[in-house]
Amino acid sequence: MRMRRKRQLGSRIKKCEHLLVQEPEVLRGRWLEEFGNNKLHIELGCGKGLFTVETAKLEPDVLYLGIEKISNVIIVALERAEHEGIQNVRFINRLADDLSTFFAPGEVSRIYINFCDPWPANRHKKRRLTGPLFLDLYKNILSQNGEIHFKTDDFQLFEFSLHEFDHFGFYLSEVTYDLHENGSIGVMTDYEVKFHEFEIPIHRCVATYKRTES
């Protein structure tokens, strides 16, 4: 079902446009220089921005970029960051397929992938954000010992992702099949808050890339 366009979407985005990077390609290779931060972390499919904004509050020296393709959704993230007055957050309203045009090799220290579409059909495997096509992209833009922090409620996707991370040379750590089993841990996404209320187990891992220096 097609999502209905939010009312006054254009004017609402206009009010927050200083937080929206319209041409991320222009900043490729100089994000930290432009914004004066020490590290660059990105969240793919940031949705309404709860995780991006709340995590950025905890690490003011890190530049956080939320990447979200749906304008109807990213407007909530923009308004959330604007309301909180967060200085170290920006957003990109584009597809994750274009990451290599946004970031230079080794420029990103951490990638967050939270509750992405599992694309359960085998024929759609290439669309999974933890599949081969995307892992190749991540390996290119991640720094030495750069990390992917992955969370999902989908068991099959988690098992698939663990296999793919290992196959592509990532070192796995902090692997858990029930992150909040003994109480809530860390910053949650909007989806995660709902899942936790219904006692749906959250699977999580960290995949670290050991870049081979030439």
N, C-alpha and C. Protein backbone atom coordinates (compact mmCIF):
# COMPACT_ATOMS: atom_id res chain seq x y z
N MET A 1 0.84 -1.20 0.00
CA MET A 1 0.00 0.00 0.00
C MET A 1 0.88 1.25 0.00
N ARG A 2 0.55 2.17 -0.86
CA ARG A 2 1.35 3.38 -0.98
C ARG A 2 1.11 4.32 0.20
N MET A 3 2.21 4.86 0.75
CA MET A 3 2.10 5.75 1.89
C MET A 3 1.56 7.12 1.46
N ARG A 4 0.58 7.62 2.19
CA ARG A 4 0.01 8.92 1.87
C ARG A 4 1.00 10.03 2.23
N ARG A 5 1.15 10.98 1.34
CA ARG A 5 2.08 12.09 1.56
C ARG A 5 1.61 12.92 2.75
N LYS A 6 2.54 13.22 3.65
CA LYS A 6 2.20 14.02 4.82
C LYS A 6 1.82 15.44 4.41
N ARG A 7 0.92 16.02 5.15
CA ARG A 7 0.48 17.38 4.86
C ARG A 7 1.62 18.37 5.08
N GLN A 8 1.71 19.35 4.18
CA GLN A 8 2.72 20.42 4.26
C GLN A 8 4.14 19.87 4.34
N LEU A 9 4.37 18.73 3.69
CA LEU A 9 5.68 18.08 3.77
C LEU A 9 6.79 19.01 3.28
N GLY A 10 6.57 19.66 2.14
CA GLY A 10 7.59 20.54 1.57
C GLY A 10 7.98 21.66 2.50
N SER A 11 6.99 22.34 3.08
CA SER A 11 7.28 23.47 3.97
C SER A 11 7.91 23.00 5.27
N ARG A 12 7.55 21.81 5.73
CA ARG A 12 8.12 21.26 6.96
C ARG A 12 9.60 20.92 6.76
N ILE A 13 9.89 20.33 5.59
CA ILE A 13 11.29 20.02 5.28
C ILE A 13 12.10 21.31 5.14
N LYS A 14 11.48 22.32 4.55
CA LYS A 14 12.16 23.61 4.35
C LYS A 14 12.63 24.19 5.69
N LYS A 15 11.83 24.06 6.73
CA LYS A 15 12.18 24.60 8.04
C LYS A 15 13.39 23.89 8.66
N CYS A 16 13.63 22.66 8.21
CA CYS A 16 14.73 21.87 8.78
C CYS A 16 15.84 21.63 7.76
N GLU A 17 15.85 22.37 6.68
CA GLU A 17 16.75 22.04 5.56
C GLU A 17 18.22 22.16 5.92
N HIS A 18 18.54 22.91 6.98
CA HIS A 18 19.95 23.00 7.39
C HIS A 18 20.47 21.67 7.94
N LEU A 19 19.55 20.74 8.27
CA LEU A 19 19.94 19.42 8.77
C LEU A 19 19.97 18.38 7.66
N LEU A 20 19.50 18.75 6.48
CA LEU A 20 19.40 17.82 5.36
C LEU A 20 20.51 18.11 4.35
N VAL A 21 21.34 17.11 4.10
CA VAL A 21 22.44 17.27 3.15
C VAL A 21 21.91 16.93 1.76
N GLN A 22 21.75 17.95 0.93
CA GLN A 22 21.14 17.77 -0.38
C GLN A 22 22.09 17.12 -1.39
N GLU A 23 23.38 17.42 -1.29
CA GLU A 23 24.36 16.89 -2.23
C GLU A 23 25.52 16.25 -1.47
N PRO A 24 25.29 15.07 -0.90
CA PRO A 24 26.34 14.41 -0.11
C PRO A 24 27.60 14.09 -0.91
N GLU A 25 27.47 13.96 -2.23
CA GLU A 25 28.63 13.67 -3.07
C GLU A 25 29.69 14.76 -2.96
N VAL A 26 29.24 15.99 -2.75
CA VAL A 26 30.16 17.13 -2.66
C VAL A 26 31.07 17.02 -1.43
N LEU A 27 30.57 16.34 -0.39
CA LEU A 27 31.33 16.23 0.87
C LEU A 27 32.14 14.94 0.96
N ARG A 28 32.12 14.14 -0.09
CA ARG A 28 32.85 12.88 -0.09
C ARG A 28 34.34 13.12 0.21
N GLY A 29 34.81 12.45 1.27
CA GLY A 29 36.22 12.57 1.66
C GLY A 29 36.52 13.71 2.60
N ARG A 30 35.54 14.56 2.91
CA ARG A 30 35.82 15.70 3.79
C ARG A 30 34.69 16.00 4.78
N TRP A 31 33.94 14.97 5.15
CA TRP A 31 32.86 15.15 6.13
C TRP A 31 33.39 15.68 7.46
N LEU A 32 34.43 15.07 7.97
CA LEU A 32 34.95 15.48 9.28
C LEU A 32 35.57 16.87 9.22
N GLU A 33 36.22 17.17 8.13
CA GLU A 33 36.79 18.51 7.94
C GLU A 33 35.68 19.57 7.90
N GLU A 34 34.59 19.24 7.23
CA GLU A 34 33.49 20.19 7.07
C GLU A 34 32.77 20.47 8.39
N PHE A 35 32.57 19.41 9.18
CA PHE A 35 31.76 19.56 10.40
C PHE A 35 32.59 19.61 11.68
N GLY A 36 33.88 19.32 11.60
CA GLY A 36 34.75 19.45 12.76
C GLY A 36 34.59 18.37 13.81
N ASN A 37 34.17 17.18 13.40
CA ASN A 37 34.02 16.07 14.34
C ASN A 37 35.20 15.11 14.23
N ASN A 38 35.30 14.18 15.21
CA ASN A 38 36.42 13.25 15.26
C ASN A 38 36.16 11.95 14.50
N LYS A 39 34.90 11.53 14.43
CA LYS A 39 34.55 10.28 13.75
C LYS A 39 33.22 10.47 13.02
N LEU A 40 32.99 9.58 12.07
CA LEU A 40 31.74 9.60 11.30
C LEU A 40 31.02 8.27 11.47
N HIS A 41 29.79 8.33 12.00
CA HIS A 41 28.94 7.16 12.13
C HIS A 41 27.68 7.38 11.30
N ILE A 42 27.21 6.34 10.63
CA ILE A 42 25.99 6.47 9.83
C ILE A 42 24.98 5.40 10.23
N GLU A 43 23.70 5.75 10.09
CA GLU A 43 22.63 4.78 10.30
C GLU A 43 21.87 4.63 9.00
N LEU A 44 21.77 3.41 8.50
CA LEU A 44 21.06 3.13 7.27
C LEU A 44 19.59 2.85 7.57
N GLY A 45 18.70 3.53 6.86
CA GLY A 45 17.28 3.36 7.13
C GLY A 45 16.94 3.88 8.52
N CYS A 46 17.28 5.14 8.77
CA CYS A 46 17.15 5.70 10.13
C CYS A 46 15.70 5.93 10.54
N GLY A 47 14.76 5.81 9.61
CA GLY A 47 13.35 5.97 9.96
C GLY A 47 13.05 7.32 10.56
N LYS A 48 12.37 7.32 11.70
CA LYS A 48 11.95 8.56 12.34
C LYS A 48 13.03 9.19 13.21
N GLY A 49 14.22 8.58 13.21
CA GLY A 49 15.38 9.24 13.79
C GLY A 49 15.59 9.14 15.29
N LEU A 50 14.78 8.36 15.99
CA LEU A 50 14.94 8.27 17.44
C LEU A 50 16.33 7.77 17.81
N PHE A 51 16.76 6.68 17.17
CA PHE A 51 18.07 6.12 17.49
C PHE A 51 19.20 7.08 17.13
N THR A 52 19.14 7.66 15.94
CA THR A 52 20.18 8.58 15.50
C THR A 52 20.34 9.76 16.45
N VAL A 53 19.23 10.38 16.80
CA VAL A 53 19.26 11.57 17.64
C VAL A 53 19.72 11.24 19.06
N GLU A 54 19.15 10.20 19.64
CA GLU A 54 19.49 9.86 21.02
C GLU A 54 20.93 9.37 21.15
N THR A 55 21.42 8.66 20.15
CA THR A 55 22.80 8.19 20.18
C THR A 55 23.76 9.36 19.99
N ALA A 56 23.41 10.30 19.13
CA ALA A 56 24.25 11.48 18.91
C ALA A 56 24.40 12.31 20.18
N LYS A 57 23.37 12.34 21.00
CA LYS A 57 23.45 13.07 22.27
C LYS A 57 24.56 12.53 23.17
N LEU A 58 24.77 11.22 23.09
CA LEU A 58 25.75 10.57 23.95
C LEU A 58 27.18 10.76 23.48
N GLU A 59 27.35 11.12 22.19
CA GLU A 59 28.69 11.25 21.62
C GLU A 59 28.78 12.54 20.79
N PRO A 60 28.86 13.69 21.46
CA PRO A 60 28.84 14.97 20.75
C PRO A 60 30.04 15.20 19.83
N ASP A 61 31.13 14.44 20.01
CA ASP A 61 32.30 14.59 19.15
C ASP A 61 32.20 13.79 17.85
N VAL A 62 31.17 12.97 17.75
CA VAL A 62 30.97 12.12 16.57
C VAL A 62 29.90 12.74 15.67
N LEU A 63 30.14 12.76 14.37
CA LEU A 63 29.13 13.20 13.41
C LEU A 63 28.25 12.01 13.06
N TYR A 64 26.94 12.16 13.27
CA TYR A 64 25.97 11.12 12.96
C TYR A 64 25.18 11.49 11.72
N LEU A 65 25.14 10.59 10.76
CA LEU A 65 24.36 10.79 9.54
C LEU A 65 23.27 9.73 9.46
N GLY A 66 22.02 10.17 9.43
CA GLY A 66 20.91 9.26 9.25
C GLY A 66 20.52 9.23 7.78
N ILE A 67 20.50 8.05 7.18
CA ILE A 67 20.18 7.91 5.77
C ILE A 67 18.82 7.21 5.65
N GLU A 68 17.89 7.88 4.99
CA GLU A 68 16.52 7.37 4.87
C GLU A 68 15.95 7.79 3.52
N LYS A 69 15.40 6.82 2.78
CA LYS A 69 14.93 7.10 1.42
C LYS A 69 13.53 7.70 1.36
N ILE A 70 12.73 7.52 2.41
CA ILE A 70 11.32 7.95 2.37
C ILE A 70 11.15 9.33 3.00
N SER A 71 10.76 10.29 2.20
CA SER A 71 10.60 11.68 2.68
C SER A 71 9.56 11.78 3.78
N ASN A 72 8.47 11.01 3.65
CA ASN A 72 7.41 11.02 4.64
C ASN A 72 7.89 10.61 6.03
N VAL A 73 8.96 9.82 6.05
CA VAL A 73 9.51 9.33 7.32
C VAL A 73 10.63 10.23 7.81
N ILE A 74 11.51 10.64 6.92
CA ILE A 74 12.67 11.42 7.34
C ILE A 74 12.28 12.78 7.90
N ILE A 75 11.11 13.29 7.53
CA ILE A 75 10.68 14.58 8.07
C ILE A 75 10.52 14.50 9.59
N VAL A 76 10.08 13.35 10.09
CA VAL A 76 9.94 13.18 11.54
C VAL A 76 11.32 13.21 12.20
N ALA A 77 12.30 12.58 11.56
CA ALA A 77 13.68 12.59 12.08
C ALA A 77 14.24 14.00 12.08
N LEU A 78 14.01 14.73 11.00
CA LEU A 78 14.50 16.11 10.90
C LEU A 78 13.90 16.98 12.01
N GLU A 79 12.60 16.86 12.20
CA GLU A 79 11.92 17.68 13.22
C GLU A 79 12.34 17.27 14.62
N ARG A 80 12.62 15.99 14.80
CA ARG A 80 13.08 15.51 16.10
C ARG A 80 14.45 16.12 16.43
N ALA A 81 15.36 16.09 15.48
CA ALA A 81 16.70 16.65 15.70
C ALA A 81 16.63 18.17 15.87
N GLU A 82 15.77 18.81 15.10
CA GLU A 82 15.59 20.27 15.21
C GLU A 82 15.07 20.64 16.59
N HIS A 83 14.09 19.90 17.08
CA HIS A 83 13.50 20.17 18.39
C HIS A 83 14.52 19.99 19.51
N GLU A 84 15.38 18.98 19.38
CA GLU A 84 16.38 18.69 20.41
C GLU A 84 17.59 19.63 20.31
N GLY A 85 17.73 20.32 19.18
CA GLY A 85 18.86 21.24 19.01
C GLY A 85 20.20 20.53 18.90
N ILE A 86 20.20 19.32 18.31
CA ILE A 86 21.43 18.53 18.19
C ILE A 86 22.31 19.10 17.09
N GLN A 87 23.57 19.35 17.40
CA GLN A 87 24.49 19.96 16.45
C GLN A 87 25.25 18.94 15.60
N ASN A 88 25.41 17.72 16.10
CA ASN A 88 26.25 16.72 15.43
C ASN A 88 25.45 15.68 14.65
N VAL A 89 24.30 16.10 14.12
CA VAL A 89 23.44 15.21 13.34
C VAL A 89 23.08 15.86 12.01
N ARG A 90 23.15 15.06 10.95
CA ARG A 90 22.65 15.46 9.65
C ARG A 90 21.93 14.27 9.02
N PHE A 91 21.13 14.54 7.99
CA PHE A 91 20.36 13.48 7.35
C PHE A 91 20.51 13.54 5.83
N ILE A 92 20.41 12.36 5.21
CA ILE A 92 20.48 12.24 3.76
C ILE A 92 19.24 11.50 3.28
N ASN A 93 18.45 12.13 2.41
CA ASN A 93 17.21 11.55 1.90
C ASN A 93 17.48 10.83 0.58
N ARG A 94 18.25 9.72 0.67
CA ARG A 94 18.64 8.99 -0.52
C ARG A 94 18.69 7.49 -0.23
N LEU A 95 18.99 6.70 -1.26
CA LEU A 95 19.11 5.25 -1.13
C LEU A 95 20.49 4.85 -0.62
N ALA A 96 20.54 3.75 0.11
CA ALA A 96 21.82 3.24 0.61
C ALA A 96 22.71 2.70 -0.51
N ASP A 97 22.12 2.44 -1.67
CA ASP A 97 22.89 1.94 -2.81
C ASP A 97 24.00 2.91 -3.23
N ASP A 98 23.83 4.19 -2.88
CA ASP A 98 24.75 5.23 -3.35
C ASP A 98 25.88 5.55 -2.37
N LEU A 99 26.08 4.72 -1.36
CA LEU A 99 27.05 5.02 -0.31
C LEU A 99 28.44 5.35 -0.83
N SER A 100 28.89 4.63 -1.84
CA SER A 100 30.26 4.84 -2.33
C SER A 100 30.42 6.20 -3.00
N THR A 101 29.31 6.84 -3.36
CA THR A 101 29.40 8.19 -3.92
C THR A 101 29.33 9.25 -2.83
N PHE A 102 28.88 8.86 -1.64
CA PHE A 102 28.79 9.79 -0.52
C PHE A 102 30.09 9.83 0.30
N PHE A 103 30.76 8.67 0.42
CA PHE A 103 31.88 8.53 1.34
C PHE A 103 33.12 7.96 0.65
N ALA A 104 34.27 8.50 1.00
CA ALA A 104 35.54 8.03 0.45
C ALA A 104 35.95 6.74 1.16
N PRO A 105 36.84 5.95 0.57
CA PRO A 105 37.34 4.73 1.24
C PRO A 105 37.89 5.03 2.63
N GLY A 106 37.44 4.26 3.61
CA GLY A 106 37.94 4.39 4.97
C GLY A 106 37.41 5.58 5.74
N GLU A 107 36.38 6.26 5.23
CA GLU A 107 35.92 7.50 5.86
C GLU A 107 34.94 7.28 7.01
N VAL A 108 34.27 6.14 7.03
CA VAL A 108 33.23 5.86 8.03
C VAL A 108 33.75 4.92 9.11
N SER A 109 33.55 5.29 10.37
CA SER A 109 34.03 4.46 11.48
C SER A 109 33.01 3.41 11.92
N ARG A 110 31.73 3.72 11.73
CA ARG A 110 30.70 2.78 12.20
C ARG A 110 29.44 2.92 11.36
N ILE A 111 28.82 1.77 11.08
CA ILE A 111 27.54 1.72 10.37
C ILE A 111 26.52 1.03 11.27
N TYR A 112 25.39 1.68 11.48
CA TYR A 112 24.28 1.07 12.21
C TYR A 112 23.23 0.60 11.21
N ILE A 113 22.82 -0.66 11.36
CA ILE A 113 21.72 -1.21 10.56
C ILE A 113 20.69 -1.75 11.54
N ASN A 114 19.60 -1.05 11.69
CA ASN A 114 18.60 -1.40 12.70
C ASN A 114 17.27 -1.77 12.05
N PHE A 115 16.88 -3.03 12.18
CA PHE A 115 15.55 -3.48 11.78
C PHE A 115 15.25 -3.18 10.31
N CYS A 116 16.19 -3.54 9.46
CA CYS A 116 16.00 -3.36 8.03
C CYS A 116 14.99 -4.37 7.49
N ASP A 117 14.49 -4.11 6.29
CA ASP A 117 13.56 -5.01 5.62
C ASP A 117 14.26 -6.36 5.41
N PRO A 118 13.68 -7.46 5.89
CA PRO A 118 14.36 -8.77 5.77
C PRO A 118 14.35 -9.35 4.35
N TRP A 119 13.50 -8.85 3.48
CA TRP A 119 13.41 -9.39 2.13
C TRP A 119 13.49 -10.92 2.17
N PRO A 120 12.49 -11.58 2.72
CA PRO A 120 12.58 -13.03 2.99
C PRO A 120 12.65 -13.92 1.76
N ALA A 121 12.10 -13.48 0.62
CA ALA A 121 12.13 -14.33 -0.58
C ALA A 121 13.55 -14.45 -1.11
N ASN A 122 13.92 -15.65 -1.50
CA ASN A 122 15.28 -15.92 -1.99
C ASN A 122 15.64 -15.04 -3.18
N ARG A 123 14.67 -14.75 -4.03
CA ARG A 123 14.94 -13.95 -5.22
C ARG A 123 15.26 -12.49 -4.89
N HIS A 124 14.94 -12.09 -3.66
CA HIS A 124 15.20 -10.71 -3.23
C HIS A 124 16.44 -10.59 -2.35
N LYS A 125 17.21 -11.66 -2.26
CA LYS A 125 18.37 -11.69 -1.35
C LYS A 125 19.32 -10.53 -1.59
N LYS A 126 19.47 -10.12 -2.84
CA LYS A 126 20.41 -9.05 -3.16
C LYS A 126 20.01 -7.70 -2.58
N ARG A 127 18.74 -7.59 -2.17
CA ARG A 127 18.26 -6.32 -1.61
C ARG A 127 18.54 -6.20 -0.11
N ARG A 128 18.90 -7.28 0.53
CA ARG A 128 19.13 -7.25 1.98
C ARG A 128 20.35 -6.39 2.29
N LEU A 129 20.22 -5.54 3.30
CA LEU A 129 21.31 -4.63 3.65
C LEU A 129 22.51 -5.34 4.27
N THR A 130 22.35 -6.62 4.56
CA THR A 130 23.49 -7.41 5.05
C THR A 130 23.90 -8.47 4.03
N GLY A 131 23.47 -8.28 2.79
CA GLY A 131 23.82 -9.21 1.72
C GLY A 131 25.11 -8.82 1.02
N PRO A 132 25.59 -9.66 0.10
CA PRO A 132 26.89 -9.47 -0.56
C PRO A 132 27.10 -8.11 -1.22
N LEU A 133 26.10 -7.62 -1.95
CA LEU A 133 26.27 -6.35 -2.67
C LEU A 133 26.55 -5.20 -1.72
N PHE A 134 25.82 -5.18 -0.61
CA PHE A 134 26.00 -4.10 0.35
C PHE A 134 27.26 -4.28 1.20
N LEU A 135 27.59 -5.51 1.53
CA LEU A 135 28.81 -5.73 2.32
C LEU A 135 30.04 -5.28 1.55
N ASP A 136 30.03 -5.43 0.25
CA ASP A 136 31.13 -4.91 -0.56
C ASP A 136 31.22 -3.39 -0.46
N LEU A 137 30.06 -2.73 -0.45
CA LEU A 137 30.03 -1.27 -0.29
C LEU A 137 30.60 -0.87 1.07
N TYR A 138 30.17 -1.57 2.12
CA TYR A 138 30.60 -1.24 3.47
C TYR A 138 32.11 -1.41 3.63
N LYS A 139 32.64 -2.49 3.07
CA LYS A 139 34.08 -2.74 3.18
C LYS A 139 34.89 -1.61 2.56
N ASN A 140 34.35 -0.99 1.56
CA ASN A 140 35.05 0.09 0.88
C ASN A 140 35.08 1.38 1.72
N ILE A 141 33.98 1.70 2.37
CA ILE A 141 33.90 2.99 3.07
C ILE A 141 34.32 2.91 4.54
N LEU A 142 34.39 1.69 5.11
CA LEU A 142 34.75 1.56 6.52
C LEU A 142 36.25 1.78 6.75
N SER A 143 36.55 2.37 7.89
CA SER A 143 37.94 2.57 8.29
C SER A 143 38.53 1.27 8.82
N GLN A 144 39.83 1.28 9.09
CA GLN A 144 40.46 0.13 9.74
C GLN A 144 39.76 -0.12 11.07
N ASN A 145 39.35 -1.37 11.31
CA ASN A 145 38.58 -1.76 12.49
C ASN A 145 37.22 -1.06 12.57
N GLY A 146 36.72 -0.63 11.41
CA GLY A 146 35.37 -0.07 11.37
C GLY A 146 34.34 -1.14 11.70
N GLU A 147 33.21 -0.71 12.24
CA GLU A 147 32.22 -1.66 12.77
C GLU A 147 30.86 -1.49 12.10
N ILE A 148 30.17 -2.61 12.02
CA ILE A 148 28.75 -2.62 11.67
C ILE A 148 28.00 -3.12 12.90
N HIS A 149 27.08 -2.30 13.42
CA HIS A 149 26.24 -2.69 14.54
C HIS A 149 24.87 -3.05 13.96
N PHE A 150 24.49 -4.30 14.10
CA PHE A 150 23.29 -4.81 13.44
C PHE A 150 22.27 -5.31 14.46
N LYS A 151 21.02 -4.88 14.30
CA LYS A 151 19.92 -5.35 15.14
C LYS A 151 18.72 -5.71 14.28
N THR A 152 18.04 -6.80 14.65
CA THR A 152 16.84 -7.22 13.94
C THR A 152 15.99 -8.09 14.86
N ASP A 153 14.71 -8.17 14.54
CA ASP A 153 13.82 -9.10 15.24
C ASP A 153 13.60 -10.35 14.41
N ASP A 154 14.17 -10.38 13.21
CA ASP A 154 13.95 -11.49 12.27
C ASP A 154 15.06 -12.54 12.40
N PHE A 155 14.71 -13.71 12.90
CA PHE A 155 15.69 -14.77 13.17
C PHE A 155 16.39 -15.22 11.90
N GLN A 156 15.62 -15.46 10.83
CA GLN A 156 16.23 -15.94 9.58
C GLN A 156 17.20 -14.92 9.01
N LEU A 157 16.83 -13.65 9.07
CA LEU A 157 17.73 -12.61 8.57
C LEU A 157 18.99 -12.54 9.42
N PHE A 158 18.85 -12.72 10.71
CA PHE A 158 20.02 -12.67 11.60
C PHE A 158 20.98 -13.81 11.29
N GLU A 159 20.45 -15.01 11.12
CA GLU A 159 21.29 -16.15 10.79
C GLU A 159 21.99 -15.94 9.44
N PHE A 160 21.25 -15.46 8.47
CA PHE A 160 21.82 -15.15 7.16
C PHE A 160 22.94 -14.12 7.30
N SER A 161 22.70 -13.09 8.10
CA SER A 161 23.66 -11.99 8.25
C SER A 161 24.94 -12.45 8.95
N LEU A 162 24.80 -13.27 9.97
CA LEU A 162 25.98 -13.80 10.65
C LEU A 162 26.87 -14.56 9.67
N HIS A 163 26.24 -15.36 8.83
CA HIS A 163 26.99 -16.13 7.84
C HIS A 163 27.69 -15.20 6.85
N GLU A 164 26.97 -14.18 6.37
CA GLU A 164 27.54 -13.28 5.38
C GLU A 164 28.68 -12.44 5.96
N PHE A 165 28.50 -11.95 7.18
CA PHE A 165 29.58 -11.18 7.83
C PHE A 165 30.85 -12.02 7.91
N ASP A 166 30.69 -13.25 8.35
CA ASP A 166 31.85 -14.14 8.48
C ASP A 166 32.48 -14.43 7.11
N HIS A 167 31.65 -14.69 6.14
CA HIS A 167 32.12 -15.00 4.79
C HIS A 167 32.90 -13.84 4.17
N PHE A 168 32.50 -12.61 4.51
CA PHE A 168 33.15 -11.44 3.92
C PHE A 168 34.29 -10.89 4.78
N GLY A 169 34.73 -11.67 5.76
CA GLY A 169 35.92 -11.32 6.51
C GLY A 169 35.72 -10.39 7.69
N PHE A 170 34.50 -10.29 8.18
CA PHE A 170 34.23 -9.49 9.37
C PHE A 170 34.40 -10.35 10.62
N TYR A 171 34.94 -9.74 11.67
CA TYR A 171 35.09 -10.42 12.96
C TYR A 171 33.83 -10.17 13.78
N LEU A 172 33.17 -11.23 14.21
CA LEU A 172 31.91 -11.11 14.94
C LEU A 172 32.11 -11.06 16.45
N SER A 173 31.38 -10.18 17.11
CA SER A 173 31.41 -10.08 18.57
C SER A 173 30.04 -9.61 19.06
N GLU A 174 29.84 -9.70 20.37
CA GLU A 174 28.60 -9.25 21.01
C GLU A 174 27.36 -9.86 20.36
N VAL A 175 27.47 -11.12 19.97
CA VAL A 175 26.35 -11.81 19.32
C VAL A 175 25.34 -12.25 20.39
N THR A 176 24.10 -11.81 20.24
CA THR A 176 23.05 -12.21 21.17
C THR A 176 21.75 -12.40 20.41
N TYR A 177 20.96 -13.36 20.88
CA TYR A 177 19.65 -13.62 20.27
C TYR A 177 18.52 -13.01 21.09
N ASP A 178 18.87 -12.39 22.21
CA ASP A 178 17.83 -11.75 23.05
C ASP A 178 18.47 -10.61 23.82
N LEU A 179 18.67 -9.50 23.14
CA LEU A 179 19.41 -8.37 23.68
C LEU A 179 18.85 -7.85 25.00
N HIS A 180 17.54 -7.78 25.10
CA HIS A 180 16.92 -7.18 26.28
C HIS A 180 16.35 -8.21 27.26
N GLU A 181 16.91 -9.40 27.22
CA GLU A 181 16.40 -10.49 28.06
C GLU A 181 16.38 -10.13 29.54
N ASN A 182 17.41 -9.41 29.98
CA ASN A 182 17.51 -9.06 31.41
C ASN A 182 17.30 -7.58 31.66
N GLY A 183 16.52 -6.95 30.79
CA GLY A 183 16.26 -5.52 30.91
C GLY A 183 16.79 -4.78 29.68
N SER A 184 16.21 -3.64 29.40
CA SER A 184 16.56 -2.90 28.19
C SER A 184 18.02 -2.44 28.22
N ILE A 185 18.66 -2.53 27.05
CA ILE A 185 20.07 -2.17 26.91
C ILE A 185 20.24 -1.20 25.75
N GLY A 186 20.90 -0.09 26.02
CA GLY A 186 21.24 0.85 24.97
C GLY A 186 20.07 1.64 24.44
N VAL A 187 20.34 2.44 23.42
CA VAL A 187 19.32 3.27 22.79
C VAL A 187 18.49 2.41 21.84
N MET A 188 17.18 2.56 21.92
CA MET A 188 16.28 1.79 21.07
C MET A 188 15.76 2.64 19.91
N THR A 189 15.37 1.96 18.84
CA THR A 189 14.67 2.62 17.74
C THR A 189 13.18 2.66 18.08
N ASP A 190 12.41 3.38 17.25
CA ASP A 190 10.95 3.41 17.47
C ASP A 190 10.36 2.01 17.36
N TYR A 191 10.80 1.24 16.36
CA TYR A 191 10.32 -0.14 16.21
C TYR A 191 10.71 -0.99 17.42
N GLU A 192 11.92 -0.80 17.87
CA GLU A 192 12.44 -1.63 18.96
C GLU A 192 11.66 -1.43 20.25
N VAL A 193 11.26 -0.21 20.50
CA VAL A 193 10.45 0.08 21.70
C VAL A 193 9.17 -0.76 21.67
N LYS A 194 8.52 -0.81 20.49
CA LYS A 194 7.29 -1.59 20.36
C LYS A 194 7.56 -3.08 20.51
N PHE A 195 8.62 -3.56 19.88
CA PHE A 195 8.97 -4.98 19.98
C PHE A 195 9.23 -5.38 21.43
N HIS A 196 9.93 -4.50 22.14
CA HIS A 196 10.27 -4.79 23.53
C HIS A 196 9.01 -4.86 24.39
N GLU A 197 8.05 -4.00 24.12
CA GLU A 197 6.79 -4.01 24.88
C GLU A 197 6.05 -5.33 24.71
N PHE A 198 6.17 -5.93 23.51
CA PHE A 198 5.51 -7.21 23.23
C PHE A 198 6.42 -8.41 23.48
N GLU A 199 7.58 -8.15 24.11
CA GLU A 199 8.53 -9.20 24.48
C GLU A 199 9.01 -10.01 23.27
N ILE A 200 9.19 -9.33 22.16
CA ILE A 200 9.75 -9.96 20.97
C ILE A 200 11.28 -9.90 21.08
N PRO A 201 11.97 -11.03 21.00
CA PRO A 201 13.43 -11.03 21.16
C PRO A 201 14.13 -10.22 20.07
N ILE A 202 15.12 -9.46 20.49
CA ILE A 202 15.93 -8.66 19.57
C ILE A 202 17.29 -9.32 19.42
N HIS A 203 17.70 -9.56 18.17
CA HIS A 203 18.99 -10.17 17.88
C HIS A 203 19.96 -9.05 17.53
N ARG A 204 21.19 -9.18 18.01
CA ARG A 204 22.18 -8.11 17.77
C ARG A 204 23.58 -8.70 17.65
N CYS A 205 24.40 -8.05 16.84
CA CYS A 205 25.81 -8.40 16.76
C CYS A 205 26.62 -7.18 16.31
N VAL A 206 27.92 -7.27 16.51
CA VAL A 206 28.86 -6.27 15.99
C VAL A 206 29.80 -7.00 15.04
N ALA A 207 29.95 -6.46 13.84
CA ALA A 207 30.85 -7.04 12.84
C ALA A 207 31.96 -6.04 12.56
N THR A 208 33.19 -6.42 12.85
CA THR A 208 34.34 -5.52 12.70
C THR A 208 35.16 -5.91 11.48
N TYR A 209 35.47 -4.90 10.69
CA TYR A 209 36.22 -5.15 9.46
C TYR A 209 37.70 -4.84 9.65
N LYS A 210 38.53 -5.84 9.42
CA LYS A 210 39.97 -5.67 9.49
C LYS A 210 40.49 -5.35 8.09
N ARG A 211 40.60 -4.08 7.79
CA ARG A 211 41.03 -3.65 6.46
C ARG A 211 42.45 -4.11 6.19
N THR A 212 42.66 -4.69 5.03
CA THR A 212 44.00 -5.10 4.61
C THR A 212 44.69 -3.91 3.96
N GLU A 213 45.73 -3.42 4.62
CA GLU A 213 46.45 -2.25 4.09
C GLU A 213 47.39 -2.67 2.98
N SER A 214 47.38 -1.90 1.90
CA SER A 214 48.28 -2.21 0.79
C SER A 214 49.64 -1.55 0.98
